């Protein structure tokens, strides 16, 4: 039983319910708790809490937490949040390639190149001064997806959900007329799943390498 992940699951469910209900105070309370709960799960579940895997995965989660605290509407807060998430993705990319890779990137990961080109073409006319940061961030996301495809299915799935979440965020913030019912809930659902599944995949791989019994 994956007890270390239970607090993250509970906080995530409460947060999503708050988003759906429009309970802004509860949203503001639970959002900063998500990544600390996941970091706790990571540290409790990893067989070795020191080393490159723990450091890089921890940085991915930490920068996600700083991004959560900074991300606001388009403006300085949004740019700062984007920068933190970009750093988190870079930490994950290094982790995937150096510690978790089990094969070459899969052929189907070429879809991330097409996704990047398509999303940039859609958002570029409306991005204004944010075009360069968005292009750099999108490129990093594409590399995240490609490197994750060389890892376990858990890691690959988590990275794909990250791409979905950030794509929805970009469309919601920059594309005029974009209308998705409960867009904020969809963005947070895919984000919470992305971070959680990546962390779960990291733990499973680390335990397999250390020959520690699986959590599930």
N, C-alpha and C. Protein backbone atom coordinates (compact mmCIF):
# COMPACT_ATOMS: atom_id res chain seq x y z
N UNK A 1 0.85 -1.21 0.00
CA UNK A 1 0.00 0.00 0.00
C UNK A 1 0.88 1.26 0.00
N UNK A 2 0.56 2.19 -0.82
CA UNK A 2 1.40 3.38 -1.00
C UNK A 2 1.01 4.49 -0.02
N UNK A 3 1.20 4.20 1.25
CA UNK A 3 0.80 5.15 2.28
C UNK A 3 1.47 6.51 2.17
N UNK A 4 2.75 6.59 1.80
CA UNK A 4 3.38 7.92 1.73
C UNK A 4 2.66 8.89 0.80
N UNK A 5 1.96 8.37 -0.22
CA UNK A 5 1.29 9.23 -1.18
C UNK A 5 -0.12 9.64 -0.76
N UNK A 6 -0.61 9.07 0.33
CA UNK A 6 -1.99 9.35 0.75
C UNK A 6 -2.25 10.83 1.04
N UNK A 7 -1.37 11.53 1.78
CA UNK A 7 -1.63 12.96 2.00
C UNK A 7 -1.72 13.76 0.71
N UNK A 8 -0.87 13.45 -0.25
CA UNK A 8 -0.91 14.15 -1.54
C UNK A 8 -2.23 13.89 -2.25
N UNK A 9 -2.69 12.66 -2.22
CA UNK A 9 -3.96 12.33 -2.87
C UNK A 9 -5.11 13.07 -2.20
N UNK A 10 -5.12 13.09 -0.88
CA UNK A 10 -6.20 13.76 -0.14
C UNK A 10 -6.20 15.25 -0.41
N UNK A 11 -5.03 15.88 -0.31
CA UNK A 11 -4.94 17.32 -0.57
C UNK A 11 -5.35 17.62 -2.01
N UNK A 12 -4.93 16.77 -2.94
CA UNK A 12 -5.28 16.98 -4.35
C UNK A 12 -6.78 16.90 -4.58
N UNK A 13 -7.43 15.94 -3.97
CA UNK A 13 -8.89 15.79 -4.13
C UNK A 13 -9.61 17.00 -3.54
N UNK A 14 -9.19 17.40 -2.34
CA UNK A 14 -9.82 18.56 -1.70
C UNK A 14 -9.62 19.81 -2.55
N UNK A 15 -8.44 19.97 -3.09
CA UNK A 15 -8.15 21.14 -3.93
C UNK A 15 -9.03 21.15 -5.17
N UNK A 16 -9.16 20.02 -5.83
CA UNK A 16 -9.98 19.95 -7.04
C UNK A 16 -11.45 20.22 -6.74
N UNK A 17 -11.94 19.70 -5.63
CA UNK A 17 -13.32 19.98 -5.23
C UNK A 17 -13.51 21.48 -4.98
N UNK A 18 -12.51 22.10 -4.34
CA UNK A 18 -12.58 23.54 -4.07
C UNK A 18 -12.59 24.33 -5.37
N UNK A 19 -11.77 23.92 -6.35
CA UNK A 19 -11.75 24.60 -7.64
C UNK A 19 -13.11 24.49 -8.33
N UNK A 20 -13.67 23.28 -8.33
CA UNK A 20 -14.96 23.06 -8.97
C UNK A 20 -16.08 23.84 -8.28
N UNK A 21 -15.97 23.97 -6.95
CA UNK A 21 -17.01 24.65 -6.18
C UNK A 21 -16.81 26.16 -6.16
N UNK A 22 -15.69 26.63 -6.67
CA UNK A 22 -15.42 28.06 -6.63
C UNK A 22 -15.10 28.57 -5.24
N UNK A 23 -14.60 27.68 -4.38
CA UNK A 23 -14.26 28.05 -3.01
C UNK A 23 -12.84 28.61 -2.99
N UNK A 24 -12.72 29.89 -3.29
CA UNK A 24 -11.40 30.50 -3.50
C UNK A 24 -10.51 30.42 -2.27
N UNK A 25 -11.10 30.57 -1.09
CA UNK A 25 -10.30 30.52 0.13
C UNK A 25 -9.68 29.13 0.32
N UNK A 26 -10.46 28.10 0.04
CA UNK A 26 -9.94 26.74 0.18
C UNK A 26 -8.92 26.42 -0.92
N UNK A 27 -9.14 26.96 -2.11
CA UNK A 27 -8.16 26.81 -3.19
C UNK A 27 -6.83 27.41 -2.76
N UNK A 28 -6.89 28.63 -2.21
CA UNK A 28 -5.66 29.32 -1.78
C UNK A 28 -4.98 28.58 -0.64
N UNK A 29 -5.76 27.87 0.17
CA UNK A 29 -5.19 27.14 1.29
C UNK A 29 -4.53 25.83 0.85
N UNK A 30 -5.17 25.13 -0.06
CA UNK A 30 -4.69 23.79 -0.43
C UNK A 30 -3.60 23.80 -1.51
N UNK A 31 -3.61 24.78 -2.40
CA UNK A 31 -2.63 24.76 -3.48
C UNK A 31 -1.18 24.77 -2.99
N UNK A 32 -0.84 25.60 -1.97
CA UNK A 32 0.55 25.58 -1.49
C UNK A 32 0.92 24.30 -0.75
N UNK A 33 -0.06 23.45 -0.43
CA UNK A 33 0.21 22.22 0.31
C UNK A 33 0.49 21.03 -0.61
N UNK A 34 0.16 21.18 -1.90
CA UNK A 34 0.26 20.05 -2.81
C UNK A 34 1.70 19.53 -2.94
N UNK A 35 2.61 20.38 -3.35
CA UNK A 35 3.98 19.93 -3.60
C UNK A 35 4.73 19.54 -2.32
N UNK A 36 4.54 20.23 -1.18
CA UNK A 36 5.15 19.72 0.05
C UNK A 36 4.68 18.32 0.41
N UNK A 37 3.39 18.04 0.18
CA UNK A 37 2.88 16.69 0.44
C UNK A 37 3.53 15.67 -0.49
N UNK A 38 3.75 16.07 -1.75
CA UNK A 38 4.38 15.15 -2.69
C UNK A 38 5.86 14.96 -2.36
N UNK A 39 6.52 16.02 -1.96
CA UNK A 39 7.93 15.90 -1.57
C UNK A 39 8.08 14.97 -0.38
N UNK A 40 7.17 15.08 0.58
CA UNK A 40 7.20 14.18 1.73
C UNK A 40 7.03 12.73 1.27
N UNK A 41 6.09 12.50 0.35
CA UNK A 41 5.88 11.15 -0.18
C UNK A 41 7.15 10.62 -0.83
N UNK A 42 7.79 11.47 -1.64
CA UNK A 42 9.02 11.07 -2.31
C UNK A 42 10.08 10.64 -1.31
N UNK A 43 10.31 11.47 -0.30
CA UNK A 43 11.38 11.19 0.65
C UNK A 43 11.09 9.96 1.50
N UNK A 44 9.82 9.74 1.82
CA UNK A 44 9.46 8.57 2.62
C UNK A 44 9.52 7.28 1.81
N UNK A 45 9.23 7.38 0.52
CA UNK A 45 9.12 6.17 -0.31
C UNK A 45 10.43 5.77 -0.97
N UNK A 46 11.34 6.72 -1.19
CA UNK A 46 12.61 6.39 -1.82
C UNK A 46 13.44 5.48 -0.92
N UNK A 47 14.10 4.48 -1.48
CA UNK A 47 14.96 3.62 -0.66
C UNK A 47 16.21 4.34 -0.18
N UNK A 48 16.67 5.33 -0.95
CA UNK A 48 17.83 6.13 -0.57
C UNK A 48 17.45 7.60 -0.70
N UNK A 49 17.51 8.32 0.40
CA UNK A 49 17.04 9.71 0.40
C UNK A 49 18.13 10.71 0.08
N UNK A 50 19.32 10.23 -0.16
CA UNK A 50 20.41 11.09 -0.60
C UNK A 50 20.90 10.56 -1.94
N UNK A 51 21.42 11.45 -2.74
CA UNK A 51 21.89 11.03 -4.05
C UNK A 51 21.22 11.82 -5.15
N UNK A 52 21.64 11.56 -6.38
CA UNK A 52 21.20 12.34 -7.52
C UNK A 52 19.71 12.20 -7.78
N UNK A 53 19.17 10.99 -7.65
CA UNK A 53 17.75 10.79 -7.91
C UNK A 53 16.90 11.61 -6.96
N UNK A 54 17.19 11.51 -5.67
CA UNK A 54 16.42 12.27 -4.67
C UNK A 54 16.57 13.77 -4.88
N UNK A 55 17.81 14.20 -5.21
CA UNK A 55 18.06 15.63 -5.39
C UNK A 55 17.29 16.19 -6.58
N UNK A 56 17.41 15.53 -7.74
CA UNK A 56 16.78 16.05 -8.95
C UNK A 56 15.26 15.95 -8.88
N UNK A 57 14.73 14.85 -8.37
CA UNK A 57 13.28 14.73 -8.22
C UNK A 57 12.77 15.76 -7.21
N UNK A 58 13.53 15.95 -6.13
CA UNK A 58 13.14 16.96 -5.15
C UNK A 58 13.14 18.36 -5.73
N UNK A 59 14.12 18.66 -6.58
CA UNK A 59 14.17 19.97 -7.23
C UNK A 59 12.98 20.15 -8.18
N UNK A 60 12.63 19.09 -8.91
CA UNK A 60 11.46 19.16 -9.79
C UNK A 60 10.20 19.52 -9.03
N UNK A 61 10.04 18.91 -7.86
CA UNK A 61 8.87 19.19 -7.02
C UNK A 61 8.97 20.58 -6.39
N UNK A 62 10.16 20.94 -5.90
CA UNK A 62 10.35 22.24 -5.25
C UNK A 62 10.08 23.39 -6.21
N UNK A 63 10.63 23.29 -7.43
CA UNK A 63 10.38 24.37 -8.40
C UNK A 63 8.91 24.39 -8.80
N UNK A 64 8.25 23.23 -8.83
CA UNK A 64 6.81 23.21 -9.07
C UNK A 64 6.05 23.96 -7.99
N UNK A 65 6.48 23.79 -6.74
CA UNK A 65 5.85 24.49 -5.62
C UNK A 65 6.05 26.00 -5.74
N UNK A 66 7.27 26.42 -6.07
CA UNK A 66 7.52 27.85 -6.25
C UNK A 66 6.71 28.39 -7.43
N UNK A 67 6.56 27.58 -8.48
CA UNK A 67 5.71 27.99 -9.60
C UNK A 67 4.26 28.13 -9.18
N UNK A 68 3.78 27.21 -8.36
CA UNK A 68 2.40 27.29 -7.86
C UNK A 68 2.17 28.58 -7.09
N UNK A 69 3.16 28.97 -6.30
CA UNK A 69 3.02 30.18 -5.48
C UNK A 69 3.10 31.45 -6.32
N UNK A 70 3.79 31.39 -7.45
CA UNK A 70 4.03 32.59 -8.26
C UNK A 70 3.03 32.77 -9.39
N UNK A 71 2.50 31.66 -9.90
CA UNK A 71 1.71 31.72 -11.12
C UNK A 71 0.40 32.47 -10.89
N UNK A 72 0.21 33.55 -11.66
CA UNK A 72 -1.00 34.34 -11.58
C UNK A 72 -1.45 34.63 -13.01
N UNK A 73 -2.25 35.67 -13.19
CA UNK A 73 -2.66 36.07 -14.53
C UNK A 73 -1.44 36.55 -15.31
N UNK A 74 -1.62 36.74 -16.61
CA UNK A 74 -0.51 37.19 -17.45
C UNK A 74 0.09 38.47 -16.87
N UNK A 75 1.38 38.47 -16.68
CA UNK A 75 2.07 39.60 -16.08
C UNK A 75 3.33 39.11 -15.41
N UNK A 76 3.94 39.93 -14.55
CA UNK A 76 5.20 39.53 -13.91
C UNK A 76 5.09 38.22 -13.14
N UNK A 77 3.99 38.03 -12.40
CA UNK A 77 3.82 36.79 -11.64
C UNK A 77 3.78 35.57 -12.53
N UNK A 78 3.14 35.71 -13.69
CA UNK A 78 3.05 34.60 -14.63
C UNK A 78 4.44 34.25 -15.17
N UNK A 79 5.23 35.25 -15.49
CA UNK A 79 6.58 35.01 -16.02
C UNK A 79 7.46 34.33 -14.98
N UNK A 80 7.37 34.80 -13.73
CA UNK A 80 8.16 34.19 -12.66
C UNK A 80 7.73 32.73 -12.46
N UNK A 81 6.41 32.50 -12.45
CA UNK A 81 5.92 31.14 -12.31
C UNK A 81 6.39 30.24 -13.44
N UNK A 82 6.37 30.79 -14.66
CA UNK A 82 6.82 30.05 -15.83
C UNK A 82 8.30 29.68 -15.69
N UNK A 83 9.08 30.61 -15.16
CA UNK A 83 10.52 30.37 -15.00
C UNK A 83 10.76 29.25 -13.98
N UNK A 84 10.01 29.25 -12.89
CA UNK A 84 10.17 28.19 -11.89
C UNK A 84 9.80 26.83 -12.47
N UNK A 85 8.69 26.77 -13.21
CA UNK A 85 8.28 25.50 -13.80
C UNK A 85 9.30 25.04 -14.84
N UNK A 86 9.88 25.98 -15.58
CA UNK A 86 10.91 25.61 -16.55
C UNK A 86 12.11 24.97 -15.84
N UNK A 87 12.52 25.55 -14.71
CA UNK A 87 13.62 24.97 -13.95
C UNK A 87 13.26 23.58 -13.44
N UNK A 88 12.01 23.41 -13.03
CA UNK A 88 11.56 22.10 -12.59
C UNK A 88 11.61 21.08 -13.71
N UNK A 89 11.19 21.49 -14.90
CA UNK A 89 11.24 20.58 -16.06
C UNK A 89 12.69 20.22 -16.40
N UNK A 90 13.59 21.19 -16.30
CA UNK A 90 15.00 20.90 -16.57
C UNK A 90 15.55 19.88 -15.58
N UNK A 91 15.17 20.01 -14.31
CA UNK A 91 15.60 19.04 -13.31
C UNK A 91 15.09 17.65 -13.66
N UNK A 92 13.82 17.57 -14.08
CA UNK A 92 13.26 16.27 -14.46
C UNK A 92 13.96 15.71 -15.70
N UNK A 93 14.25 16.57 -16.67
CA UNK A 93 14.92 16.10 -17.90
C UNK A 93 16.27 15.47 -17.56
N UNK A 94 17.05 16.14 -16.73
CA UNK A 94 18.35 15.59 -16.33
C UNK A 94 18.16 14.28 -15.58
N UNK A 95 17.16 14.25 -14.69
CA UNK A 95 16.87 13.02 -13.94
C UNK A 95 16.49 11.87 -14.87
N UNK A 96 15.60 12.15 -15.80
CA UNK A 96 15.16 11.10 -16.73
C UNK A 96 16.34 10.54 -17.52
N UNK A 97 17.16 11.44 -18.04
CA UNK A 97 18.22 11.01 -18.95
C UNK A 97 19.37 10.33 -18.21
N UNK A 98 19.70 10.83 -17.04
CA UNK A 98 20.87 10.31 -16.32
C UNK A 98 20.55 9.10 -15.46
N UNK A 99 19.35 9.07 -14.84
CA UNK A 99 19.08 8.05 -13.83
C UNK A 99 17.95 7.09 -14.16
N UNK A 100 17.00 7.49 -14.99
CA UNK A 100 15.79 6.68 -15.17
C UNK A 100 15.64 6.09 -16.56
N UNK A 101 16.53 6.44 -17.47
CA UNK A 101 16.41 5.99 -18.85
C UNK A 101 16.65 4.49 -18.94
N UNK A 102 15.75 3.78 -19.64
CA UNK A 102 15.89 2.34 -19.82
C UNK A 102 15.98 1.95 -21.30
N UNK A 103 15.81 2.92 -22.18
CA UNK A 103 15.86 2.67 -23.63
C UNK A 103 16.10 4.00 -24.34
N UNK A 104 16.20 3.95 -25.65
CA UNK A 104 16.22 5.18 -26.42
C UNK A 104 14.83 5.80 -26.42
N UNK A 105 14.73 7.11 -26.67
CA UNK A 105 13.40 7.71 -26.81
C UNK A 105 12.57 6.96 -27.84
N UNK A 106 11.30 6.74 -27.55
CA UNK A 106 10.44 5.97 -28.43
C UNK A 106 10.11 6.76 -29.69
N UNK A 107 9.80 6.02 -30.76
CA UNK A 107 9.52 6.66 -32.04
C UNK A 107 8.33 7.60 -31.96
N UNK A 108 7.35 7.22 -31.11
CA UNK A 108 6.14 8.03 -31.04
C UNK A 108 6.36 9.38 -30.35
N UNK A 109 7.52 9.55 -29.70
CA UNK A 109 7.79 10.82 -29.03
C UNK A 109 7.97 11.96 -30.03
N UNK A 110 8.07 11.61 -31.33
CA UNK A 110 8.11 12.66 -32.36
C UNK A 110 6.85 13.50 -32.36
N UNK A 111 5.78 12.98 -31.75
CA UNK A 111 4.54 13.75 -31.67
C UNK A 111 4.74 15.04 -30.89
N UNK A 112 5.72 15.05 -29.99
CA UNK A 112 5.97 16.27 -29.22
C UNK A 112 6.54 17.38 -30.09
N UNK A 113 7.27 17.02 -31.13
CA UNK A 113 7.76 18.02 -32.07
C UNK A 113 6.59 18.64 -32.82
N UNK A 114 5.65 17.80 -33.27
CA UNK A 114 4.46 18.29 -33.97
C UNK A 114 3.60 19.12 -33.03
N UNK A 115 3.46 18.65 -31.79
CA UNK A 115 2.68 19.42 -30.80
C UNK A 115 3.29 20.80 -30.60
N UNK A 116 4.62 20.86 -30.46
CA UNK A 116 5.30 22.14 -30.22
C UNK A 116 5.07 23.10 -31.38
N UNK A 117 5.24 22.60 -32.58
CA UNK A 117 5.06 23.46 -33.76
C UNK A 117 3.62 23.94 -33.86
N UNK A 118 2.67 23.04 -33.61
CA UNK A 118 1.26 23.41 -33.72
C UNK A 118 0.83 24.40 -32.66
N UNK A 119 1.22 24.16 -31.40
CA UNK A 119 0.80 25.06 -30.32
C UNK A 119 1.43 26.44 -30.50
N UNK A 120 2.70 26.47 -30.91
CA UNK A 120 3.36 27.75 -31.11
C UNK A 120 2.70 28.54 -32.25
N UNK A 121 2.29 27.82 -33.30
CA UNK A 121 1.62 28.49 -34.42
C UNK A 121 0.29 29.09 -33.98
N UNK A 122 -0.41 28.39 -33.07
CA UNK A 122 -1.71 28.87 -32.60
C UNK A 122 -1.56 30.06 -31.66
N UNK A 123 -0.55 30.00 -30.78
CA UNK A 123 -0.43 31.04 -29.75
C UNK A 123 0.39 32.25 -30.19
N UNK A 124 1.29 32.07 -31.15
CA UNK A 124 2.21 33.15 -31.54
C UNK A 124 1.50 34.45 -31.89
N UNK A 125 0.39 34.43 -32.67
CA UNK A 125 -0.24 35.70 -33.02
C UNK A 125 -0.83 36.46 -31.83
N UNK A 126 -0.99 35.79 -30.69
CA UNK A 126 -1.63 36.41 -29.54
C UNK A 126 -0.69 36.56 -28.34
N UNK A 127 0.55 36.08 -28.47
CA UNK A 127 1.45 36.05 -27.33
C UNK A 127 2.12 37.39 -27.05
N UNK A 128 2.27 38.24 -28.07
CA UNK A 128 2.91 39.54 -27.87
C UNK A 128 4.32 39.39 -27.33
N UNK A 129 4.63 40.11 -26.26
CA UNK A 129 5.94 40.08 -25.66
C UNK A 129 6.26 38.79 -24.95
N UNK A 130 5.26 37.90 -24.79
CA UNK A 130 5.48 36.63 -24.13
C UNK A 130 5.90 35.53 -25.10
N UNK A 131 6.04 35.87 -26.39
CA UNK A 131 6.31 34.85 -27.40
C UNK A 131 7.61 34.09 -27.11
N UNK A 132 8.69 34.82 -26.84
CA UNK A 132 9.99 34.16 -26.62
C UNK A 132 9.95 33.28 -25.37
N UNK A 133 9.44 33.78 -24.21
CA UNK A 133 9.35 32.88 -23.05
C UNK A 133 8.48 31.66 -23.31
N UNK A 134 7.37 31.84 -24.01
CA UNK A 134 6.49 30.70 -24.31
C UNK A 134 7.17 29.71 -25.25
N UNK A 135 7.90 30.23 -26.24
CA UNK A 135 8.60 29.33 -27.16
C UNK A 135 9.67 28.53 -26.44
N UNK A 136 10.42 29.17 -25.56
CA UNK A 136 11.45 28.47 -24.80
C UNK A 136 10.83 27.43 -23.86
N UNK A 137 9.73 27.83 -23.22
CA UNK A 137 9.06 26.91 -22.29
C UNK A 137 8.48 25.72 -23.05
N UNK A 138 7.87 25.97 -24.19
CA UNK A 138 7.31 24.89 -24.99
C UNK A 138 8.37 23.92 -25.47
N UNK A 139 9.53 24.45 -25.87
CA UNK A 139 10.62 23.61 -26.31
C UNK A 139 11.09 22.70 -25.17
N UNK A 140 11.17 23.26 -23.97
CA UNK A 140 11.56 22.46 -22.81
C UNK A 140 10.54 21.37 -22.53
N UNK A 141 9.27 21.70 -22.66
CA UNK A 141 8.22 20.69 -22.47
C UNK A 141 8.34 19.56 -23.48
N UNK A 142 8.63 19.91 -24.73
CA UNK A 142 8.80 18.88 -25.76
C UNK A 142 9.96 17.96 -25.42
N UNK A 143 11.07 18.53 -24.97
CA UNK A 143 12.22 17.71 -24.57
C UNK A 143 11.86 16.84 -23.37
N UNK A 144 11.07 17.39 -22.44
CA UNK A 144 10.61 16.61 -21.29
C UNK A 144 9.86 15.36 -21.76
N UNK A 145 8.92 15.55 -22.68
CA UNK A 145 8.15 14.43 -23.18
C UNK A 145 9.01 13.41 -23.91
N UNK A 146 9.96 13.88 -24.70
CA UNK A 146 10.83 12.98 -25.47
C UNK A 146 11.73 12.17 -24.54
N UNK A 147 12.36 12.83 -23.59
CA UNK A 147 13.24 12.10 -22.67
C UNK A 147 12.44 11.14 -21.78
N UNK A 148 11.24 11.54 -21.40
CA UNK A 148 10.40 10.67 -20.57
C UNK A 148 10.01 9.39 -21.30
N UNK A 149 9.90 9.47 -22.63
CA UNK A 149 9.53 8.28 -23.41
C UNK A 149 10.61 7.20 -23.35
N UNK A 150 11.82 7.60 -22.94
CA UNK A 150 12.91 6.63 -22.79
C UNK A 150 12.89 5.97 -21.42
N UNK A 151 11.94 6.35 -20.58
CA UNK A 151 11.84 5.81 -19.23
C UNK A 151 10.66 4.85 -19.14
N UNK A 152 10.20 4.60 -17.94
CA UNK A 152 9.09 3.67 -17.72
C UNK A 152 7.78 4.28 -18.22
N UNK A 153 6.74 3.45 -18.42
CA UNK A 153 5.43 3.98 -18.81
C UNK A 153 4.88 4.98 -17.81
N UNK A 154 5.18 4.81 -16.52
CA UNK A 154 4.71 5.78 -15.52
C UNK A 154 5.30 7.15 -15.79
N UNK A 155 6.61 7.21 -16.00
CA UNK A 155 7.28 8.48 -16.26
C UNK A 155 6.76 9.09 -17.55
N UNK A 156 6.64 8.28 -18.58
CA UNK A 156 6.15 8.78 -19.88
C UNK A 156 4.74 9.34 -19.75
N UNK A 157 3.89 8.67 -18.99
CA UNK A 157 2.51 9.14 -18.80
C UNK A 157 2.48 10.44 -18.02
N UNK A 158 3.28 10.52 -16.97
CA UNK A 158 3.31 11.75 -16.18
C UNK A 158 3.77 12.95 -17.00
N UNK A 159 4.80 12.75 -17.82
CA UNK A 159 5.28 13.84 -18.67
C UNK A 159 4.23 14.25 -19.70
N UNK A 160 3.53 13.27 -20.27
CA UNK A 160 2.47 13.58 -21.24
C UNK A 160 1.36 14.41 -20.58
N UNK A 161 1.02 14.07 -19.35
CA UNK A 161 0.00 14.84 -18.63
C UNK A 161 0.49 16.26 -18.34
N UNK A 162 1.78 16.42 -18.10
CA UNK A 162 2.35 17.76 -17.91
C UNK A 162 2.18 18.58 -19.19
N UNK A 163 2.43 17.96 -20.33
CA UNK A 163 2.26 18.64 -21.60
C UNK A 163 0.80 19.06 -21.79
N UNK A 164 -0.12 18.17 -21.46
CA UNK A 164 -1.55 18.49 -21.58
C UNK A 164 -1.92 19.65 -20.66
N UNK A 165 -1.48 19.57 -19.41
CA UNK A 165 -1.82 20.61 -18.43
C UNK A 165 -1.30 21.98 -18.87
N UNK A 166 -0.04 22.04 -19.27
CA UNK A 166 0.54 23.33 -19.66
C UNK A 166 -0.01 23.83 -20.99
N UNK A 167 -0.42 22.90 -21.87
CA UNK A 167 -1.07 23.32 -23.11
C UNK A 167 -2.40 23.98 -22.82
N UNK A 168 -3.17 23.37 -21.92
CA UNK A 168 -4.45 23.96 -21.53
C UNK A 168 -4.25 25.33 -20.89
N UNK A 169 -3.22 25.43 -20.06
CA UNK A 169 -2.93 26.72 -19.41
C UNK A 169 -2.59 27.78 -20.45
N UNK A 170 -1.75 27.42 -21.41
CA UNK A 170 -1.37 28.38 -22.44
C UNK A 170 -2.56 28.81 -23.29
N UNK A 171 -3.38 27.85 -23.68
CA UNK A 171 -4.57 28.18 -24.47
C UNK A 171 -5.53 29.05 -23.68
N UNK A 172 -5.71 28.73 -22.40
CA UNK A 172 -6.64 29.47 -21.56
C UNK A 172 -6.17 30.91 -21.34
N UNK A 173 -4.86 31.10 -21.23
CA UNK A 173 -4.33 32.44 -20.94
C UNK A 173 -4.16 33.30 -22.18
N UNK A 174 -3.88 32.69 -23.32
CA UNK A 174 -3.44 33.49 -24.46
C UNK A 174 -4.33 33.39 -25.70
N UNK A 175 -5.16 32.38 -25.82
CA UNK A 175 -5.95 32.22 -27.03
C UNK A 175 -7.33 32.84 -26.86
N UNK A 176 -7.62 33.94 -27.55
CA UNK A 176 -8.93 34.57 -27.43
C UNK A 176 -10.04 33.60 -27.87
N UNK A 177 -11.09 33.58 -27.10
CA UNK A 177 -12.22 32.74 -27.44
C UNK A 177 -12.10 31.30 -27.01
N UNK A 178 -10.96 30.94 -26.42
CA UNK A 178 -10.82 29.57 -25.93
C UNK A 178 -11.78 29.37 -24.76
N UNK A 179 -12.66 28.41 -24.91
CA UNK A 179 -13.68 28.19 -23.88
C UNK A 179 -13.75 26.71 -23.56
N UNK A 180 -13.20 26.33 -22.43
CA UNK A 180 -13.27 24.96 -21.94
C UNK A 180 -13.97 24.98 -20.60
N UNK A 181 -15.04 24.23 -20.49
CA UNK A 181 -15.77 24.17 -19.23
C UNK A 181 -14.85 23.71 -18.11
N UNK A 182 -14.86 24.47 -17.02
CA UNK A 182 -14.01 24.18 -15.86
C UNK A 182 -12.54 24.03 -16.28
N UNK A 183 -12.06 25.01 -17.03
CA UNK A 183 -10.67 24.95 -17.50
C UNK A 183 -9.68 24.88 -16.33
N UNK A 184 -9.91 25.66 -15.28
CA UNK A 184 -8.99 25.64 -14.14
C UNK A 184 -8.93 24.26 -13.50
N UNK A 185 -10.08 23.60 -13.40
CA UNK A 185 -10.12 22.26 -12.82
C UNK A 185 -9.38 21.27 -13.71
N UNK A 186 -9.55 21.39 -15.02
CA UNK A 186 -8.86 20.48 -15.95
C UNK A 186 -7.35 20.69 -15.88
N UNK A 187 -6.93 21.95 -15.80
CA UNK A 187 -5.50 22.25 -15.70
C UNK A 187 -4.91 21.67 -14.43
N UNK A 188 -5.60 21.85 -13.30
CA UNK A 188 -5.09 21.36 -12.03
C UNK A 188 -5.17 19.84 -11.94
N UNK A 189 -6.21 19.24 -12.49
CA UNK A 189 -6.31 17.78 -12.47
C UNK A 189 -5.13 17.14 -13.19
N UNK A 190 -4.86 17.62 -14.40
CA UNK A 190 -3.75 17.04 -15.17
C UNK A 190 -2.41 17.36 -14.53
N UNK A 191 -2.29 18.53 -13.91
CA UNK A 191 -1.04 18.90 -13.23
C UNK A 191 -0.79 18.02 -12.01
N UNK A 192 -1.82 17.84 -11.19
CA UNK A 192 -1.68 17.01 -9.99
C UNK A 192 -1.34 15.57 -10.37
N UNK A 193 -2.02 15.06 -11.39
CA UNK A 193 -1.73 13.71 -11.86
C UNK A 193 -0.31 13.63 -12.42
N UNK A 194 0.10 14.64 -13.19
CA UNK A 194 1.43 14.63 -13.79
C UNK A 194 2.52 14.54 -12.74
N UNK A 195 2.47 15.44 -11.77
CA UNK A 195 3.49 15.45 -10.73
C UNK A 195 3.47 14.16 -9.92
N UNK A 196 2.27 13.71 -9.57
CA UNK A 196 2.15 12.50 -8.76
C UNK A 196 2.63 11.26 -9.48
N UNK A 197 2.27 11.12 -10.76
CA UNK A 197 2.66 9.93 -11.52
C UNK A 197 4.16 9.92 -11.80
N UNK A 198 4.72 11.09 -12.09
CA UNK A 198 6.18 11.15 -12.27
C UNK A 198 6.88 10.72 -10.99
N UNK A 199 6.44 11.25 -9.86
CA UNK A 199 7.05 10.90 -8.57
C UNK A 199 6.90 9.40 -8.29
N UNK A 200 5.73 8.87 -8.57
CA UNK A 200 5.48 7.44 -8.38
C UNK A 200 6.43 6.62 -9.26
N UNK A 201 6.60 7.05 -10.51
CA UNK A 201 7.52 6.36 -11.41
C UNK A 201 8.95 6.43 -10.94
N UNK A 202 9.36 7.57 -10.41
CA UNK A 202 10.72 7.72 -9.88
C UNK A 202 10.94 6.74 -8.73
N UNK A 203 9.97 6.68 -7.83
CA UNK A 203 10.10 5.80 -6.67
C UNK A 203 10.15 4.33 -7.09
N UNK A 204 9.27 3.94 -8.00
CA UNK A 204 9.26 2.55 -8.45
C UNK A 204 10.59 2.16 -9.09
N UNK A 205 11.13 3.05 -9.92
CA UNK A 205 12.40 2.76 -10.57
C UNK A 205 13.54 2.67 -9.55
N UNK A 206 13.55 3.61 -8.61
CA UNK A 206 14.60 3.62 -7.59
C UNK A 206 14.54 2.37 -6.73
N UNK A 207 13.33 1.94 -6.39
CA UNK A 207 13.19 0.74 -5.57
C UNK A 207 13.55 -0.52 -6.36
N UNK A 208 13.26 -0.52 -7.65
CA UNK A 208 13.62 -1.67 -8.48
C UNK A 208 15.13 -1.80 -8.59
N UNK A 209 15.80 -0.67 -8.79
CA UNK A 209 17.26 -0.68 -8.89
C UNK A 209 17.88 -1.15 -7.57
N UNK A 210 17.29 -0.68 -6.44
CA UNK A 210 17.80 -1.05 -5.13
C UNK A 210 17.29 -2.42 -4.68
N UNK A 211 16.42 -3.03 -5.50
CA UNK A 211 15.84 -4.33 -5.19
C UNK A 211 15.06 -4.32 -3.88
N UNK A 212 14.29 -3.23 -3.72
CA UNK A 212 13.39 -3.09 -2.58
C UNK A 212 12.00 -3.47 -3.06
N UNK A 213 11.18 -4.18 -2.26
CA UNK A 213 9.84 -4.55 -2.70
C UNK A 213 9.03 -3.34 -3.17
N UNK A 214 8.24 -3.54 -4.21
CA UNK A 214 7.44 -2.46 -4.77
C UNK A 214 6.40 -1.97 -3.78
N UNK A 215 5.99 -0.70 -3.96
CA UNK A 215 4.94 -0.15 -3.09
C UNK A 215 3.57 -0.66 -3.46
N UNK A 216 3.42 -1.18 -4.67
CA UNK A 216 2.11 -1.66 -5.10
C UNK A 216 2.31 -2.77 -6.11
